[in-house]
Amino acid sequence: MKIAISSDHGGNNLRHEIMNLLAELGLDYTDFGPDSNESVDYPDYALPVSKGVANGEFDKGILICGTGIGMSIAANKVDGIRCALVHDVFSAKATRGHNDSNILAMGERVIGPGLAREIVTAWLDTPFEGGRHERRIAKLTELENGAR
């Protein structure tokens, strides 16, 4: 599994914590920065992760900002992306199982590193359930393509 990860300045510390987790899990990841804690614009950091996941270069993506809200909004502007803003383990499992989310967004100012690690692990370990959920994902794709 190849994972793309990025943050803005508000999620920089948590991004490093999650990169440590990914390394501990032996997962292949690419970090899209930023390289400092200076203020940056979250869309600039959400875009390379989102495009990389959408075009198949990466299997999944993780985006972190202060709240996770800005990153999730920016990511969901890219066709093919189903980015879920998650701050609890139940939602992490549900969004993978039911929504086949391909990008996870979190907020460093909302959750701590321990919970973030649990969320990421649950999200990565939960498969898409398919079945009735496939019909719903197809409807999302129709929306992206302007068919609805």
Protein backbone atom coordinates (compact mmCIF):
# COMPACT_ATOMS: atom_id res chain seq x y z
CA MET A 1 0.00 0.00 0.00
CA LYS A 2 1.34 3.42 -1.00
CA ILE A 3 0.21 6.39 1.07
CA ALA A 4 0.54 10.12 0.40
CA ILE A 5 0.59 12.42 3.42
CA SER A 6 0.63 16.17 3.90
CA SER A 7 -0.43 18.92 6.26
CA ASP A 8 -0.42 22.64 6.63
CA HIS A 9 1.40 24.41 9.45
CA GLY A 10 -1.46 23.63 11.86
CA GLY A 11 -1.04 19.89 11.35
CA ASN A 12 2.72 19.64 11.08
CA ASN A 13 3.37 18.00 14.46
CA LEU A 14 0.63 15.41 14.05
CA ARG A 15 1.84 14.66 10.50
CA HIS A 16 5.23 13.71 11.88
CA GLU A 17 3.60 11.48 14.49
CA ILE A 18 1.58 9.72 11.78
CA MET A 19 4.65 9.33 9.56
CA ASN A 20 6.33 7.59 12.49
CA LEU A 21 3.32 5.28 12.76
CA LEU A 22 3.41 4.50 9.03
CA ALA A 23 7.11 3.65 9.31
CA GLU A 24 6.43 1.42 12.34
CA LEU A 25 3.76 -0.38 10.31
CA GLY A 26 6.24 -0.84 7.46
CA LEU A 27 4.08 1.12 5.02
CA ASP A 28 5.42 2.97 2.00
CA TYR A 29 4.56 6.68 2.17
CA THR A 30 5.47 9.93 0.48
CA ASP A 31 5.51 13.15 2.49
CA PHE A 32 4.38 16.29 0.67
CA GLY A 33 5.36 18.62 3.51
CA PRO A 34 5.55 21.37 4.54
CA ASP A 35 9.12 21.48 5.80
CA SER A 36 8.56 24.14 8.47
CA ASN A 37 5.94 25.48 10.87
CA GLU A 38 5.57 28.76 8.96
CA SER A 39 2.07 29.59 7.78
CA VAL A 40 1.08 27.97 4.48
CA ASP A 41 -2.16 27.62 2.52
CA TYR A 42 -3.83 24.22 3.02
CA PRO A 43 -5.13 23.86 -0.58
CA ASP A 44 -1.52 23.89 -1.83
CA TYR A 45 -0.77 20.84 0.32
CA ALA A 46 -4.07 19.00 -0.15
CA LEU A 47 -3.82 19.12 -3.95
CA PRO A 48 -0.74 16.93 -4.60
CA VAL A 49 -2.04 14.25 -2.23
CA SER A 50 -5.52 14.35 -3.76
CA LYS A 51 -4.28 14.28 -7.35
CA GLY A 52 -1.87 11.46 -6.53
CA VAL A 53 -4.65 9.34 -5.01
CA ALA A 54 -7.11 10.20 -7.79
CA ASN A 55 -4.68 9.21 -10.55
CA GLY A 56 -3.70 5.96 -8.84
CA GLU A 57 -0.13 6.90 -7.94
CA PHE A 58 -1.11 6.35 -4.28
CA ASP A 59 -3.63 3.96 -2.76
CA LYS A 60 -4.66 6.29 0.06
CA GLY A 61 -3.91 9.73 1.44
CA ILE A 62 -3.78 11.40 4.84
CA LEU A 63 -4.24 15.15 5.28
CA ILE A 64 -3.89 17.10 8.52
CA CYS A 65 -4.53 20.73 9.39
CA GLY A 66 -5.61 22.49 12.56
CA THR A 67 -9.19 21.20 12.38
CA GLY A 68 -9.08 18.94 9.31
CA ILE A 69 -11.92 20.95 7.80
CA GLY A 70 -9.95 22.98 5.26
CA MET A 71 -7.99 19.98 4.05
CA SER A 72 -11.12 17.86 3.63
CA ILE A 73 -12.92 20.59 1.68
CA ALA A 74 -9.92 21.09 -0.61
CA ALA A 75 -9.41 17.35 -1.18
CA ASN A 76 -13.05 16.76 -2.06
CA LYS A 77 -12.80 19.29 -4.92
CA VAL A 78 -10.75 16.68 -6.84
CA ASP A 79 -12.79 14.18 -8.88
CA GLY A 80 -12.48 10.66 -7.54
CA ILE A 81 -11.64 11.71 -4.01
CA ARG A 82 -13.76 10.69 -1.06
CA CYS A 83 -12.04 12.44 1.81
CA ALA A 84 -13.51 11.93 5.26
CA LEU A 85 -12.86 14.19 8.22
CA VAL A 86 -12.56 11.83 11.18
CA HIS A 87 -11.94 12.36 14.88
CA ASP A 88 -13.01 9.00 16.32
CA VAL A 89 -12.29 5.33 15.63
CA PHE A 90 -15.91 4.36 14.88
CA SER A 91 -16.13 6.93 12.08
CA ALA A 92 -12.76 5.83 10.69
CA LYS A 93 -14.06 2.28 10.32
CA ALA A 94 -17.44 3.41 8.99
CA THR A 95 -16.03 5.69 6.32
CA ARG A 96 -13.82 2.94 4.96
CA GLY A 97 -16.44 0.21 5.21
CA HIS A 98 -19.37 2.21 3.86
CA ASN A 99 -17.93 5.15 1.90
CA ASP A 100 -14.69 3.62 0.57
CA SER A 101 -12.95 6.84 1.61
CA ASN A 102 -9.56 7.16 -0.02
CA ILE A 103 -8.27 10.14 1.96
CA LEU A 104 -8.42 10.63 5.71
CA ALA A 105 -8.43 14.16 7.16
CA MET A 106 -7.77 14.96 10.81
CA GLY A 107 -7.29 18.05 12.96
CA GLU A 108 -4.22 18.41 15.15
CA ARG A 109 -5.99 20.98 17.33
CA VAL A 110 -8.94 18.62 17.81
CA ILE A 111 -7.36 15.27 18.72
CA GLY A 112 -4.17 14.08 20.34
CA PRO A 113 -1.48 11.87 18.86
CA GLY A 114 -2.62 8.67 20.62
CA LEU A 115 -6.14 8.88 19.26
CA ALA A 116 -4.84 9.91 15.83
CA ARG A 117 -2.70 6.77 15.71
CA GLU A 118 -5.74 4.62 16.58
CA ILE A 119 -7.82 6.35 13.91
CA VAL A 120 -5.20 5.90 11.20
CA THR A 121 -4.66 2.24 12.10
CA ALA A 122 -8.41 1.52 12.07
CA TRP A 123 -8.86 3.42 8.80
CA LEU A 124 -6.02 1.57 7.09
CA ASP A 125 -7.14 -1.84 8.39
CA THR A 126 -10.82 -1.55 7.48
CA PRO A 127 -11.81 -2.84 4.03
CA PHE A 128 -14.61 -1.47 1.89
CA GLU A 129 -17.68 -3.66 2.44
CA GLY A 130 -19.02 -3.32 -1.11
CA GLY A 131 -22.57 -4.59 -1.60
CA ARG A 132 -25.23 -1.93 -1.20
CA HIS A 133 -22.49 0.64 -0.61
CA GLU A 134 -21.19 0.23 -4.17
CA ARG A 135 -24.46 1.66 -5.51
CA ARG A 136 -23.99 4.74 -3.32
CA ILE A 137 -20.39 5.25 -4.40
CA ALA A 138 -21.55 5.01 -8.03
CA LYS A 139 -24.04 7.80 -7.34
CA LEU A 140 -21.22 9.97 -5.98
CA THR A 141 -19.27 9.37 -9.17
CA GLU A 142 -22.33 10.39 -11.19
CA LEU A 143 -22.47 13.63 -9.21
CA GLU A 144 -18.82 14.33 -10.03
CA ASN A 145 -19.51 13.71 -13.69
CA GLY A 146 -22.53 16.01 -13.72
CA ALA A 147 -24.94 13.19 -14.56
CA ARG A 148 -27.31 13.88 -11.66
